[in-house]
Amino acid sequence: MARSKREVPHFYLSTTIDTGVALDWMRERNRALPPAERLIPAALTLKAVARAAGEVPELNGHWVDDAFVPAGRVRLGVAVSLRGGGLVAPALAGAQEQSVAEVMASLKDLVSRARKGRLRASETADPSITVTSLGDQGVECVFGVIYPPQVALVGLGRIVERPAAVKGLLGVRPVLTATLSLDHRAADGATGARFLNCLDRHLQRPEEL
């Protein structure tokens, strides 16, 4: 992390995403599922990040020998805090192609094995973009440090209710602050904005994830 902050020219973007549609869709799905299989918001957001990374390949890859090398597929790194302290970011492979339910099952398995020290070597090798989420810790916004040689890191905060104007009417909506830490050697603000817009669009259409 110290090397990353010294050598990588970080810059940051953020956006606020209305998650009302996604949460309503999730609750409706969960009514038909047994408790052990019910979805949580993280499954939706991770799937949406994976889709966005596939649509904006300029952020899905590595900075090698002074050039950006795009990854052949999305290997979504997920930052996991360990019970004894420390952090590991194994790759959730295949999230772009999996259903939300499959992402949910893969996430539960990955987190459980990470905390038991049972990760496979292939799962810790070269994620192409990483997500850090501190919403379960009550944090509303996180600007993370990029994991070299990756060029982007997505930060997800807690979903909170905020006043919002919708079609001219003031109401209260559940919103999520999504942030993006970028390597300015590989990307510019326009590319980052396109990624965040893709993420927002996918969370407004959860039935298509």
N, C-alpha and C. Protein backbone atom coordinates (compact mmCIF):
# COMPACT_ATOMS: atom_id res chain seq x y z
N MET A 1 0.82 -1.20 0.00
CA MET A 1 0.00 0.00 0.00
C MET A 1 0.87 1.27 0.00
N ALA A 2 1.98 1.22 0.75
CA ALA A 2 2.87 2.38 0.75
C ALA A 2 3.46 2.61 -0.64
N ARG A 3 3.86 1.52 -1.30
CA ARG A 3 4.40 1.64 -2.65
C ARG A 3 3.34 2.16 -3.62
N SER A 4 2.12 1.70 -3.44
CA SER A 4 1.02 2.15 -4.30
C SER A 4 0.82 3.66 -4.19
N LYS A 5 0.79 4.17 -2.97
CA LYS A 5 0.58 5.61 -2.78
C LYS A 5 1.77 6.43 -3.28
N ARG A 6 2.99 5.86 -3.20
CA ARG A 6 4.17 6.58 -3.69
C ARG A 6 4.23 6.61 -5.21
N GLU A 7 3.91 5.49 -5.84
CA GLU A 7 4.17 5.34 -7.27
C GLU A 7 2.96 5.50 -8.17
N VAL A 8 1.77 5.30 -7.64
CA VAL A 8 0.56 5.37 -8.47
C VAL A 8 -0.09 6.74 -8.30
N PRO A 9 -0.27 7.49 -9.40
CA PRO A 9 -0.93 8.80 -9.31
C PRO A 9 -2.44 8.61 -9.17
N HIS A 10 -2.89 8.46 -7.92
CA HIS A 10 -4.30 8.25 -7.63
C HIS A 10 -5.14 9.50 -7.94
N PHE A 11 -6.34 9.28 -8.43
CA PHE A 11 -7.38 10.30 -8.34
C PHE A 11 -8.70 9.61 -8.08
N TYR A 12 -9.71 10.36 -7.66
CA TYR A 12 -10.92 9.76 -7.10
C TYR A 12 -12.18 10.39 -7.68
N LEU A 13 -13.19 9.54 -7.85
CA LEU A 13 -14.51 9.97 -8.27
C LEU A 13 -15.54 9.33 -7.35
N SER A 14 -16.70 9.96 -7.23
CA SER A 14 -17.78 9.34 -6.44
C SER A 14 -19.12 9.71 -7.04
N THR A 15 -20.10 8.87 -6.75
CA THR A 15 -21.48 9.15 -7.17
C THR A 15 -22.42 8.56 -6.14
N THR A 16 -23.64 9.08 -6.11
CA THR A 16 -24.68 8.57 -5.22
C THR A 16 -25.71 7.82 -6.05
N ILE A 17 -25.97 6.59 -5.69
CA ILE A 17 -26.86 5.72 -6.47
C ILE A 17 -28.12 5.43 -5.67
N ASP A 18 -29.27 5.67 -6.27
CA ASP A 18 -30.55 5.31 -5.67
C ASP A 18 -30.71 3.79 -5.79
N THR A 19 -30.83 3.11 -4.65
CA THR A 19 -30.92 1.65 -4.65
C THR A 19 -32.34 1.15 -4.40
N GLY A 20 -33.32 2.05 -4.45
CA GLY A 20 -34.69 1.66 -4.15
C GLY A 20 -35.21 0.54 -5.04
N VAL A 21 -34.99 0.67 -6.35
CA VAL A 21 -35.47 -0.35 -7.28
C VAL A 21 -34.79 -1.68 -7.01
N ALA A 22 -33.47 -1.66 -6.81
CA ALA A 22 -32.72 -2.89 -6.57
C ALA A 22 -33.16 -3.58 -5.27
N LEU A 23 -33.38 -2.80 -4.22
CA LEU A 23 -33.79 -3.39 -2.94
C LEU A 23 -35.19 -3.96 -3.02
N ASP A 24 -36.10 -3.28 -3.73
CA ASP A 24 -37.46 -3.81 -3.90
C ASP A 24 -37.42 -5.13 -4.65
N TRP A 25 -36.62 -5.18 -5.71
CA TRP A 25 -36.48 -6.42 -6.49
C TRP A 25 -35.91 -7.53 -5.62
N MET A 26 -34.91 -7.21 -4.81
CA MET A 26 -34.28 -8.21 -3.94
C MET A 26 -35.28 -8.75 -2.90
N ARG A 27 -36.04 -7.88 -2.29
CA ARG A 27 -37.03 -8.32 -1.29
C ARG A 27 -38.07 -9.23 -1.92
N GLU A 28 -38.49 -8.89 -3.13
CA GLU A 28 -39.48 -9.73 -3.82
C GLU A 28 -38.90 -11.11 -4.11
N ARG A 29 -37.65 -11.17 -4.55
CA ARG A 29 -37.00 -12.45 -4.80
C ARG A 29 -36.86 -13.26 -3.51
N ASN A 30 -36.50 -12.58 -2.42
CA ASN A 30 -36.24 -13.28 -1.17
C ASN A 30 -37.49 -13.91 -0.56
N ARG A 31 -38.66 -13.40 -0.93
CA ARG A 31 -39.90 -13.98 -0.39
C ARG A 31 -40.05 -15.45 -0.79
N ALA A 32 -39.51 -15.81 -1.93
CA ALA A 32 -39.65 -17.18 -2.43
C ALA A 32 -38.46 -18.07 -2.08
N LEU A 33 -37.48 -17.53 -1.34
CA LEU A 33 -36.27 -18.29 -1.05
C LEU A 33 -36.19 -18.67 0.42
N PRO A 34 -35.62 -19.84 0.74
CA PRO A 34 -35.38 -20.17 2.15
C PRO A 34 -34.33 -19.23 2.73
N PRO A 35 -34.32 -19.04 4.05
CA PRO A 35 -33.40 -18.07 4.67
C PRO A 35 -31.95 -18.24 4.26
N ALA A 36 -31.48 -19.47 4.12
CA ALA A 36 -30.07 -19.70 3.80
C ALA A 36 -29.69 -19.24 2.40
N GLU A 37 -30.68 -19.06 1.52
CA GLU A 37 -30.40 -18.70 0.14
C GLU A 37 -30.80 -17.27 -0.20
N ARG A 38 -31.26 -16.53 0.78
CA ARG A 38 -31.71 -15.18 0.50
C ARG A 38 -30.56 -14.25 0.14
N LEU A 39 -30.85 -13.33 -0.76
CA LEU A 39 -29.85 -12.40 -1.26
C LEU A 39 -29.62 -11.26 -0.28
N ILE A 40 -28.43 -10.67 -0.34
CA ILE A 40 -28.12 -9.46 0.39
C ILE A 40 -27.66 -8.42 -0.64
N PRO A 41 -27.72 -7.12 -0.29
CA PRO A 41 -27.34 -6.09 -1.28
C PRO A 41 -25.96 -6.29 -1.89
N ALA A 42 -25.01 -6.86 -1.14
CA ALA A 42 -23.66 -7.05 -1.66
C ALA A 42 -23.65 -7.91 -2.92
N ALA A 43 -24.54 -8.89 -3.00
CA ALA A 43 -24.59 -9.74 -4.19
C ALA A 43 -24.97 -8.92 -5.42
N LEU A 44 -25.93 -8.01 -5.24
CA LEU A 44 -26.35 -7.15 -6.35
C LEU A 44 -25.25 -6.19 -6.76
N THR A 45 -24.62 -5.55 -5.77
CA THR A 45 -23.60 -4.54 -6.10
C THR A 45 -22.37 -5.19 -6.73
N LEU A 46 -21.96 -6.36 -6.25
CA LEU A 46 -20.80 -7.03 -6.84
C LEU A 46 -21.08 -7.45 -8.28
N LYS A 47 -22.28 -7.97 -8.52
CA LYS A 47 -22.62 -8.35 -9.89
C LYS A 47 -22.64 -7.11 -10.79
N ALA A 48 -23.18 -6.00 -10.28
CA ALA A 48 -23.22 -4.77 -11.07
C ALA A 48 -21.81 -4.25 -11.35
N VAL A 49 -20.91 -4.33 -10.37
CA VAL A 49 -19.52 -3.91 -10.58
C VAL A 49 -18.86 -4.78 -11.65
N ALA A 50 -19.08 -6.08 -11.58
CA ALA A 50 -18.49 -6.99 -12.57
C ALA A 50 -18.99 -6.67 -13.97
N ARG A 51 -20.28 -6.39 -14.11
CA ARG A 51 -20.83 -6.03 -15.41
C ARG A 51 -20.21 -4.72 -15.91
N ALA A 52 -20.11 -3.74 -15.01
CA ALA A 52 -19.52 -2.44 -15.40
C ALA A 52 -18.08 -2.61 -15.83
N ALA A 53 -17.33 -3.46 -15.14
CA ALA A 53 -15.93 -3.69 -15.50
C ALA A 53 -15.81 -4.32 -16.87
N GLY A 54 -16.76 -5.19 -17.21
CA GLY A 54 -16.75 -5.79 -18.53
C GLY A 54 -17.07 -4.79 -19.63
N GLU A 55 -17.89 -3.78 -19.30
CA GLU A 55 -18.29 -2.79 -20.29
C GLU A 55 -17.29 -1.64 -20.41
N VAL A 56 -16.45 -1.48 -19.39
CA VAL A 56 -15.41 -0.45 -19.43
C VAL A 56 -14.07 -1.15 -19.23
N PRO A 57 -13.58 -1.85 -20.26
CA PRO A 57 -12.37 -2.67 -20.12
C PRO A 57 -11.11 -1.86 -19.85
N GLU A 58 -11.17 -0.54 -20.05
CA GLU A 58 -10.01 0.30 -19.76
C GLU A 58 -9.64 0.31 -18.28
N LEU A 59 -10.56 -0.14 -17.42
CA LEU A 59 -10.29 -0.18 -15.98
C LEU A 59 -10.10 -1.61 -15.46
N ASN A 60 -10.27 -2.56 -16.35
CA ASN A 60 -10.20 -3.97 -15.95
C ASN A 60 -8.90 -4.58 -16.47
N GLY A 61 -7.85 -4.48 -15.68
CA GLY A 61 -6.56 -5.00 -16.12
C GLY A 61 -5.44 -4.52 -15.24
N HIS A 62 -4.22 -4.47 -15.80
CA HIS A 62 -3.02 -4.20 -14.99
C HIS A 62 -2.07 -3.24 -15.70
N TRP A 63 -1.32 -2.49 -14.89
CA TRP A 63 -0.29 -1.60 -15.40
C TRP A 63 1.04 -2.34 -15.34
N VAL A 64 1.56 -2.71 -16.51
CA VAL A 64 2.78 -3.53 -16.59
C VAL A 64 3.74 -2.90 -17.59
N ASP A 65 4.99 -2.70 -17.15
CA ASP A 65 6.04 -2.15 -18.03
C ASP A 65 5.59 -0.84 -18.68
N ASP A 66 5.06 0.05 -17.86
CA ASP A 66 4.65 1.39 -18.29
C ASP A 66 3.56 1.39 -19.35
N ALA A 67 2.70 0.38 -19.29
CA ALA A 67 1.57 0.34 -20.22
C ALA A 67 0.42 -0.44 -19.59
N PHE A 68 -0.79 -0.11 -20.00
CA PHE A 68 -1.97 -0.81 -19.49
C PHE A 68 -2.19 -2.08 -20.31
N VAL A 69 -2.38 -3.19 -19.60
CA VAL A 69 -2.64 -4.48 -20.25
C VAL A 69 -4.03 -4.93 -19.82
N PRO A 70 -5.01 -4.91 -20.73
CA PRO A 70 -6.36 -5.32 -20.35
C PRO A 70 -6.42 -6.80 -20.00
N ALA A 71 -7.27 -7.13 -19.03
CA ALA A 71 -7.44 -8.53 -18.65
C ALA A 71 -8.38 -9.21 -19.65
N GLY A 72 -8.19 -10.50 -19.83
CA GLY A 72 -9.03 -11.22 -20.77
C GLY A 72 -10.45 -11.38 -20.27
N ARG A 73 -10.63 -11.35 -18.94
CA ARG A 73 -11.96 -11.48 -18.34
C ARG A 73 -11.97 -10.73 -17.02
N VAL A 74 -13.14 -10.58 -16.44
CA VAL A 74 -13.25 -9.89 -15.16
C VAL A 74 -12.95 -10.88 -14.03
N ARG A 75 -11.89 -10.58 -13.27
CA ARG A 75 -11.60 -11.32 -12.04
C ARG A 75 -11.77 -10.33 -10.90
N LEU A 76 -12.91 -10.38 -10.27
CA LEU A 76 -13.32 -9.36 -9.30
C LEU A 76 -12.71 -9.64 -7.93
N GLY A 77 -11.73 -8.83 -7.53
CA GLY A 77 -11.17 -8.95 -6.20
C GLY A 77 -12.13 -8.41 -5.16
N VAL A 78 -12.28 -9.13 -4.07
CA VAL A 78 -13.19 -8.72 -2.99
C VAL A 78 -12.38 -8.60 -1.71
N ALA A 79 -12.28 -7.39 -1.16
CA ALA A 79 -11.52 -7.19 0.07
C ALA A 79 -12.25 -7.82 1.25
N VAL A 80 -11.56 -8.71 1.96
CA VAL A 80 -12.15 -9.43 3.09
C VAL A 80 -11.30 -9.17 4.33
N SER A 81 -11.94 -8.68 5.39
CA SER A 81 -11.21 -8.48 6.65
C SER A 81 -11.14 -9.81 7.39
N LEU A 82 -9.96 -10.11 7.91
CA LEU A 82 -9.75 -11.37 8.60
C LEU A 82 -10.00 -11.21 10.09
N ARG A 83 -10.48 -12.25 10.73
CA ARG A 83 -10.85 -12.16 12.15
C ARG A 83 -9.65 -11.84 13.03
N GLY A 84 -8.48 -12.31 12.64
CA GLY A 84 -7.29 -12.05 13.44
C GLY A 84 -6.60 -10.75 13.08
N GLY A 85 -7.24 -9.97 12.21
CA GLY A 85 -6.64 -8.73 11.74
C GLY A 85 -6.05 -8.91 10.35
N GLY A 86 -5.94 -7.83 9.64
CA GLY A 86 -5.40 -7.89 8.29
C GLY A 86 -6.49 -7.97 7.24
N LEU A 87 -6.05 -8.01 6.01
CA LEU A 87 -6.96 -7.94 4.87
C LEU A 87 -6.43 -8.81 3.75
N VAL A 88 -7.35 -9.46 3.05
CA VAL A 88 -6.99 -10.24 1.87
C VAL A 88 -8.03 -9.92 0.80
N ALA A 89 -7.62 -9.97 -0.46
CA ALA A 89 -8.55 -9.62 -1.55
C ALA A 89 -8.53 -10.70 -2.62
N PRO A 90 -9.15 -11.86 -2.34
CA PRO A 90 -9.19 -12.93 -3.33
C PRO A 90 -10.12 -12.57 -4.49
N ALA A 91 -9.98 -13.30 -5.58
CA ALA A 91 -10.76 -13.01 -6.79
C ALA A 91 -12.02 -13.86 -6.82
N LEU A 92 -13.12 -13.18 -7.12
CA LEU A 92 -14.40 -13.83 -7.36
C LEU A 92 -14.52 -14.00 -8.87
N ALA A 93 -14.02 -15.12 -9.37
CA ALA A 93 -13.97 -15.33 -10.82
C ALA A 93 -15.36 -15.67 -11.36
N GLY A 94 -15.65 -15.17 -12.54
CA GLY A 94 -16.91 -15.52 -13.19
C GLY A 94 -18.11 -14.71 -12.77
N ALA A 95 -17.92 -13.68 -11.95
CA ALA A 95 -19.07 -12.91 -11.45
C ALA A 95 -19.84 -12.25 -12.58
N GLN A 96 -19.14 -11.88 -13.65
CA GLN A 96 -19.81 -11.21 -14.77
C GLN A 96 -20.84 -12.12 -15.43
N GLU A 97 -20.55 -13.43 -15.50
CA GLU A 97 -21.44 -14.36 -16.17
C GLU A 97 -22.43 -15.02 -15.21
N GLN A 98 -22.15 -15.03 -13.92
CA GLN A 98 -23.02 -15.71 -12.96
C GLN A 98 -24.32 -14.94 -12.72
N SER A 99 -25.34 -15.66 -12.28
CA SER A 99 -26.56 -15.02 -11.81
C SER A 99 -26.29 -14.37 -10.46
N VAL A 100 -27.20 -13.51 -10.02
CA VAL A 100 -27.03 -12.87 -8.71
C VAL A 100 -27.01 -13.94 -7.61
N ALA A 101 -27.85 -14.96 -7.73
CA ALA A 101 -27.86 -16.04 -6.73
C ALA A 101 -26.52 -16.77 -6.70
N GLU A 102 -25.93 -16.99 -7.87
CA GLU A 102 -24.63 -17.67 -7.93
C GLU A 102 -23.54 -16.79 -7.34
N VAL A 103 -23.60 -15.48 -7.60
CA VAL A 103 -22.63 -14.56 -6.99
C VAL A 103 -22.76 -14.59 -5.47
N MET A 104 -24.00 -14.64 -4.98
CA MET A 104 -24.24 -14.70 -3.54
C MET A 104 -23.59 -15.95 -2.93
N ALA A 105 -23.80 -17.09 -3.57
CA ALA A 105 -23.23 -18.35 -3.06
C ALA A 105 -21.71 -18.32 -3.13
N SER A 106 -21.17 -17.81 -4.22
CA SER A 106 -19.71 -17.73 -4.38
C SER A 106 -19.09 -16.80 -3.34
N LEU A 107 -19.77 -15.67 -3.08
CA LEU A 107 -19.28 -14.71 -2.08
C LEU A 107 -19.24 -15.33 -0.70
N LYS A 108 -20.31 -16.00 -0.29
CA LYS A 108 -20.35 -16.63 1.02
C LYS A 108 -19.23 -17.66 1.17
N ASP A 109 -19.03 -18.45 0.13
CA ASP A 109 -17.99 -19.48 0.17
C ASP A 109 -16.60 -18.84 0.25
N LEU A 110 -16.38 -17.80 -0.55
CA LEU A 110 -15.06 -17.16 -0.60
C LEU A 110 -14.72 -16.51 0.74
N VAL A 111 -15.66 -15.78 1.32
CA VAL A 111 -15.42 -15.11 2.60
C VAL A 111 -15.16 -16.13 3.70
N SER A 112 -15.96 -17.20 3.72
CA SER A 112 -15.79 -18.23 4.75
C SER A 112 -14.41 -18.87 4.67
N ARG A 113 -13.98 -19.24 3.45
CA ARG A 113 -12.68 -19.89 3.31
C ARG A 113 -11.52 -18.92 3.53
N ALA A 114 -11.72 -17.65 3.17
CA ALA A 114 -10.67 -16.65 3.41
C ALA A 114 -10.41 -16.51 4.91
N ARG A 115 -11.47 -16.49 5.69
CA ARG A 115 -11.31 -16.31 7.14
C ARG A 115 -10.83 -17.56 7.85
N LYS A 116 -10.90 -18.71 7.15
CA LYS A 116 -10.37 -19.95 7.71
C LYS A 116 -8.98 -20.28 7.15
N GLY A 117 -8.46 -19.39 6.29
CA GLY A 117 -7.15 -19.62 5.70
C GLY A 117 -7.14 -20.75 4.69
N ARG A 118 -8.23 -20.94 3.97
CA ARG A 118 -8.35 -22.06 3.05
C ARG A 118 -8.52 -21.62 1.59
N LEU A 119 -8.00 -20.47 1.26
CA LEU A 119 -8.09 -20.01 -0.12
C LEU A 119 -7.15 -20.81 -1.01
N ARG A 120 -7.58 -21.00 -2.27
CA ARG A 120 -6.71 -21.64 -3.25
C ARG A 120 -5.78 -20.59 -3.85
N ALA A 121 -4.61 -21.02 -4.29
CA ALA A 121 -3.63 -20.09 -4.85
C ALA A 121 -4.20 -19.33 -6.04
N SER A 122 -5.02 -19.99 -6.84
CA SER A 122 -5.59 -19.36 -8.03
C SER A 122 -6.53 -18.22 -7.67
N GLU A 123 -7.08 -18.26 -6.47
CA GLU A 123 -8.04 -17.23 -6.06
C GLU A 123 -7.36 -15.96 -5.57
N THR A 124 -6.07 -16.04 -5.30
CA THR A 124 -5.35 -14.85 -4.84
C THR A 124 -4.45 -14.28 -5.93
N ALA A 125 -4.49 -14.87 -7.12
CA ALA A 125 -3.61 -14.45 -8.20
C ALA A 125 -4.29 -13.47 -9.14
N ASP A 126 -3.76 -12.28 -9.21
CA ASP A 126 -4.09 -11.29 -10.23
C ASP A 126 -5.57 -10.97 -10.43
N PRO A 127 -6.30 -10.52 -9.39
CA PRO A 127 -7.60 -9.94 -9.67
C PRO A 127 -7.43 -8.76 -10.64
N SER A 128 -8.43 -8.51 -11.47
CA SER A 128 -8.29 -7.47 -12.47
C SER A 128 -8.86 -6.12 -12.01
N ILE A 129 -9.72 -6.13 -11.01
CA ILE A 129 -10.26 -4.92 -10.38
C ILE A 129 -10.79 -5.35 -9.02
N THR A 130 -10.68 -4.50 -8.02
CA THR A 130 -11.04 -4.89 -6.65
C THR A 130 -12.15 -4.00 -6.10
N VAL A 131 -12.99 -4.62 -5.27
CA VAL A 131 -14.06 -3.92 -4.56
C VAL A 131 -13.78 -3.97 -3.07
N THR A 132 -13.90 -2.82 -2.41
CA THR A 132 -13.85 -2.80 -0.94
C THR A 132 -15.17 -2.21 -0.45
N SER A 133 -15.81 -2.93 0.46
CA SER A 133 -17.11 -2.50 0.97
C SER A 133 -17.07 -2.47 2.49
N LEU A 134 -17.38 -1.31 3.05
CA LEU A 134 -17.39 -1.17 4.51
C LEU A 134 -18.78 -0.81 5.02
N GLY A 135 -19.78 -1.05 4.18
CA GLY A 135 -21.14 -0.73 4.59
C GLY A 135 -21.58 -1.46 5.83
N ASP A 136 -21.15 -2.73 5.98
CA ASP A 136 -21.55 -3.50 7.16
C ASP A 136 -20.89 -2.97 8.43
N GLN A 137 -19.88 -2.10 8.28
CA GLN A 137 -19.23 -1.47 9.43
C GLN A 137 -19.79 -0.07 9.71
N GLY A 138 -20.81 0.32 8.96
CA GLY A 138 -21.44 1.62 9.17
C GLY A 138 -20.82 2.76 8.41
N VAL A 139 -19.80 2.47 7.59
CA VAL A 139 -19.11 3.52 6.84
C VAL A 139 -19.95 3.88 5.61
N GLU A 140 -20.14 5.17 5.38
CA GLU A 140 -20.98 5.61 4.27
C GLU A 140 -20.19 5.84 2.99
N CYS A 141 -18.87 6.07 3.10
CA CYS A 141 -18.08 6.38 1.92
C CYS A 141 -16.63 5.94 2.17
N VAL A 142 -16.04 5.26 1.19
CA VAL A 142 -14.66 4.81 1.35
C VAL A 142 -13.90 5.08 0.06
N PHE A 143 -12.75 5.75 0.18
CA PHE A 143 -11.83 5.98 -0.94
C PHE A 143 -10.62 5.09 -0.70
N GLY A 144 -10.52 3.99 -1.44
CA GLY A 144 -9.50 3.00 -1.17
C GLY A 144 -8.19 3.26 -1.90
N VAL A 145 -7.18 2.48 -1.55
CA VAL A 145 -5.88 2.52 -2.20
C VAL A 145 -5.82 1.38 -3.22
N ILE A 146 -5.39 1.70 -4.43
CA ILE A 146 -5.33 0.72 -5.51
C ILE A 146 -4.33 -0.38 -5.19
N TYR A 147 -4.69 -1.61 -5.55
CA TYR A 147 -3.79 -2.75 -5.38
C TYR A 147 -2.99 -2.93 -6.66
N PRO A 148 -1.72 -2.49 -6.71
CA PRO A 148 -0.93 -2.69 -7.93
C PRO A 148 -0.77 -4.18 -8.24
N PRO A 149 -0.74 -4.55 -9.51
CA PRO A 149 -0.70 -3.68 -10.69
C PRO A 149 -2.07 -3.31 -11.24
N GLN A 150 -3.14 -3.51 -10.46
CA GLN A 150 -4.46 -3.08 -10.91
C GLN A 150 -4.48 -1.56 -11.08
N VAL A 151 -5.47 -1.05 -11.80
CA VAL A 151 -5.54 0.38 -12.05
C VAL A 151 -6.80 1.03 -11.48
N ALA A 152 -7.64 0.24 -10.81
CA ALA A 152 -8.87 0.80 -10.27
C ALA A 152 -9.33 0.01 -9.05
N LEU A 153 -9.95 0.73 -8.12
CA LEU A 153 -10.55 0.11 -6.95
C LEU A 153 -11.89 0.77 -6.69
N VAL A 154 -12.92 -0.05 -6.49
CA VAL A 154 -14.28 0.44 -6.26
C VAL A 154 -14.57 0.39 -4.76
N GLY A 155 -15.06 1.50 -4.21
CA GLY A 155 -15.44 1.56 -2.80
C GLY A 155 -16.94 1.67 -2.66
N LEU A 156 -17.53 0.85 -1.80
CA LEU A 156 -18.97 0.86 -1.58
C LEU A 156 -19.26 1.09 -0.11
N GLY A 157 -20.13 2.04 0.17
CA GLY A 157 -20.49 2.36 1.55
C GLY A 157 -21.82 1.75 1.96
N ARG A 158 -22.32 2.22 3.09
CA ARG A 158 -23.58 1.73 3.63
C ARG A 158 -24.76 2.36 2.89
N ILE A 159 -25.81 1.60 2.70
CA ILE A 159 -27.04 2.15 2.13
C ILE A 159 -27.76 2.90 3.23
N VAL A 160 -28.02 4.18 2.97
CA VAL A 160 -28.68 5.03 3.97
C VAL A 160 -29.87 5.73 3.32
N GLU A 161 -30.81 6.13 4.14
CA GLU A 161 -31.97 6.87 3.64
C GLU A 161 -31.67 8.35 3.64
N ARG A 162 -31.96 9.00 2.51
CA ARG A 162 -31.70 10.42 2.34
C ARG A 162 -32.88 11.09 1.65
N PRO A 163 -33.15 12.36 1.97
CA PRO A 163 -34.18 13.10 1.23
C PRO A 163 -33.78 13.22 -0.24
N ALA A 164 -34.74 13.04 -1.13
CA ALA A 164 -34.44 13.12 -2.56
C ALA A 164 -35.67 13.59 -3.31
N ALA A 165 -35.42 14.35 -4.38
CA ALA A 165 -36.51 14.79 -5.25
C ALA A 165 -36.64 13.80 -6.40
N VAL A 166 -37.82 13.21 -6.56
CA VAL A 166 -38.09 12.26 -7.63
C VAL A 166 -39.31 12.73 -8.40
N LYS A 167 -39.10 13.08 -9.68
CA LYS A 167 -40.18 13.58 -10.54
C LYS A 167 -40.90 14.77 -9.90
N GLY A 168 -40.10 15.64 -9.32
CA GLY A 168 -40.65 16.87 -8.75
C GLY A 168 -41.22 16.73 -7.35
N LEU A 169 -41.18 15.54 -6.78
CA LEU A 169 -41.73 15.31 -5.45
C LEU A 169 -40.61 14.95 -4.48
N LEU A 170 -40.67 15.51 -3.27
CA LEU A 170 -39.64 15.24 -2.27
C LEU A 170 -40.02 14.01 -1.47
N GLY A 171 -39.07 13.08 -1.35
CA GLY A 171 -39.30 11.88 -0.58
C GLY A 171 -38.01 11.40 0.05
N VAL A 172 -38.06 10.21 0.63
CA VAL A 172 -36.88 9.61 1.25
C VAL A 172 -36.53 8.36 0.46
N ARG A 173 -35.28 8.27 0.04
CA ARG A 173 -34.84 7.16 -0.79
C ARG A 173 -33.59 6.49 -0.19
N PRO A 174 -33.45 5.16 -0.37
CA PRO A 174 -32.22 4.49 0.06
C PRO A 174 -31.12 4.72 -0.97
N VAL A 175 -30.00 5.26 -0.54
CA VAL A 175 -28.93 5.58 -1.49
C VAL A 175 -27.60 4.98 -1.02
N LEU A 176 -26.76 4.74 -2.01
CA LEU A 176 -25.44 4.16 -1.80
C LEU A 176 -24.40 5.09 -2.40
N THR A 177 -23.35 5.40 -1.66
CA THR A 177 -22.23 6.16 -2.22
C THR A 177 -21.20 5.18 -2.77
N ALA A 178 -20.97 5.26 -4.08
CA ALA A 178 -19.96 4.43 -4.74
C ALA A 178 -18.80 5.33 -5.14
N THR A 179 -17.59 4.90 -4.84
CA THR A 179 -16.40 5.68 -5.17
C THR A 179 -15.49 4.85 -6.08
N LEU A 180 -14.61 5.56 -6.75
CA LEU A 180 -13.69 4.91 -7.67
C LEU A 180 -12.32 5.54 -7.50
N SER A 181 -11.33 4.73 -7.12
CA SER A 181 -9.93 5.16 -7.07
C SER A 181 -9.28 4.72 -8.36
N LEU A 182 -8.63 5.66 -9.05
CA LEU A 182 -8.10 5.37 -10.38
C LEU A 182 -6.62 5.72 -10.49
N ASP A 183 -5.93 4.98 -11.34
CA ASP A 183 -4.55 5.25 -11.70
C ASP A 183 -4.58 6.18 -12.91
N HIS A 184 -4.09 7.42 -12.74
CA HIS A 184 -4.20 8.42 -13.80
C HIS A 184 -3.31 8.11 -15.00
N ARG A 185 -2.36 7.18 -14.85
CA ARG A 185 -1.57 6.76 -15.99
C ARG A 185 -2.41 5.95 -16.97
N ALA A 186 -3.40 5.24 -16.44
CA ALA A 186 -4.20 4.33 -17.26
C ALA A 186 -5.56 4.89 -17.65
N ALA A 187 -6.07 5.84 -16.89
CA ALA A 187 -7.44 6.29 -17.13
C ALA A 187 -7.58 7.77 -16.80
N ASP A 188 -8.65 8.36 -17.34
CA ASP A 188 -8.96 9.75 -17.02
C ASP A 188 -10.36 9.82 -16.41
N GLY A 189 -10.78 11.04 -16.09
CA GLY A 189 -12.06 11.21 -15.43
C GLY A 189 -13.24 10.76 -16.26
N ALA A 190 -13.17 10.94 -17.58
CA ALA A 190 -14.27 10.54 -18.45
C ALA A 190 -14.48 9.03 -18.40
N THR A 191 -13.38 8.28 -18.38
CA THR A 191 -13.47 6.82 -18.31
C THR A 191 -14.07 6.39 -16.98
N GLY A 192 -13.61 7.02 -15.90
CA GLY A 192 -14.15 6.70 -14.59
C GLY A 192 -15.62 7.02 -14.48
N ALA A 193 -16.03 8.16 -15.05
CA ALA A 193 -17.45 8.54 -15.03
C ALA A 193 -18.29 7.53 -15.79
N ARG A 194 -17.76 7.03 -16.91
CA ARG A 194 -18.49 6.04 -17.69
C ARG A 194 -18.69 4.76 -16.87
N PHE A 195 -17.66 4.38 -16.11
CA PHE A 195 -17.78 3.20 -15.26
C PHE A 195 -18.87 3.39 -14.21
N LEU A 196 -18.85 4.52 -13.51
CA LEU A 196 -19.84 4.76 -12.46
C LEU A 196 -21.25 4.85 -13.04
N ASN A 197 -21.38 5.42 -14.23
CA ASN A 197 -22.69 5.47 -14.87
C ASN A 197 -23.19 4.08 -15.22
N CYS A 198 -22.29 3.20 -15.67
CA CYS A 198 -22.66 1.81 -15.94
C CYS A 198 -23.12 1.11 -14.66
N LEU A 199 -22.39 1.33 -13.58
CA LEU A 199 -22.76 0.73 -12.30
C LEU A 199 -24.15 1.18 -11.87
N ASP A 200 -24.42 2.47 -11.97
CA ASP A 200 -25.73 3.01 -11.63
C ASP A 200 -26.81 2.38 -12.51
N ARG A 201 -26.57 2.32 -13.81
CA ARG A 201 -27.56 1.79 -14.75
C ARG A 201 -27.93 0.35 -14.41
N HIS A 202 -26.93 -0.46 -14.09
CA HIS A 202 -27.21 -1.86 -13.77
C HIS A 202 -28.02 -1.99 -12.48
N LEU A 203 -27.77 -1.14 -11.51
CA LEU A 203 -28.53 -1.23 -10.25
C LEU A 203 -29.95 -0.69 -10.41
N GLN A 204 -30.23 0.03 -11.47
CA GLN A 204 -31.60 0.46 -11.75
C GLN A 204 -32.36 -0.62 -12.51
N ARG A 205 -31.64 -1.65 -12.99
CA ARG A 205 -32.27 -2.73 -13.76
C ARG A 205 -31.85 -4.08 -13.16
N PRO A 206 -32.16 -4.33 -11.90
CA PRO A 206 -31.67 -5.54 -11.23
C PRO A 206 -32.18 -6.83 -11.88
N GLU A 207 -33.33 -6.77 -12.52
CA GLU A 207 -33.87 -7.98 -13.15
C GLU A 207 -33.01 -8.44 -14.33
N GLU A 208 -32.14 -7.56 -14.82
CA GLU A 208 -31.27 -7.92 -15.96
C GLU A 208 -29.88 -8.38 -15.51
N LEU A 209 -29.61 -8.31 -14.20
CA LEU A 209 -28.29 -8.71 -13.72
C LEU A 209 -28.12 -10.24 -13.77
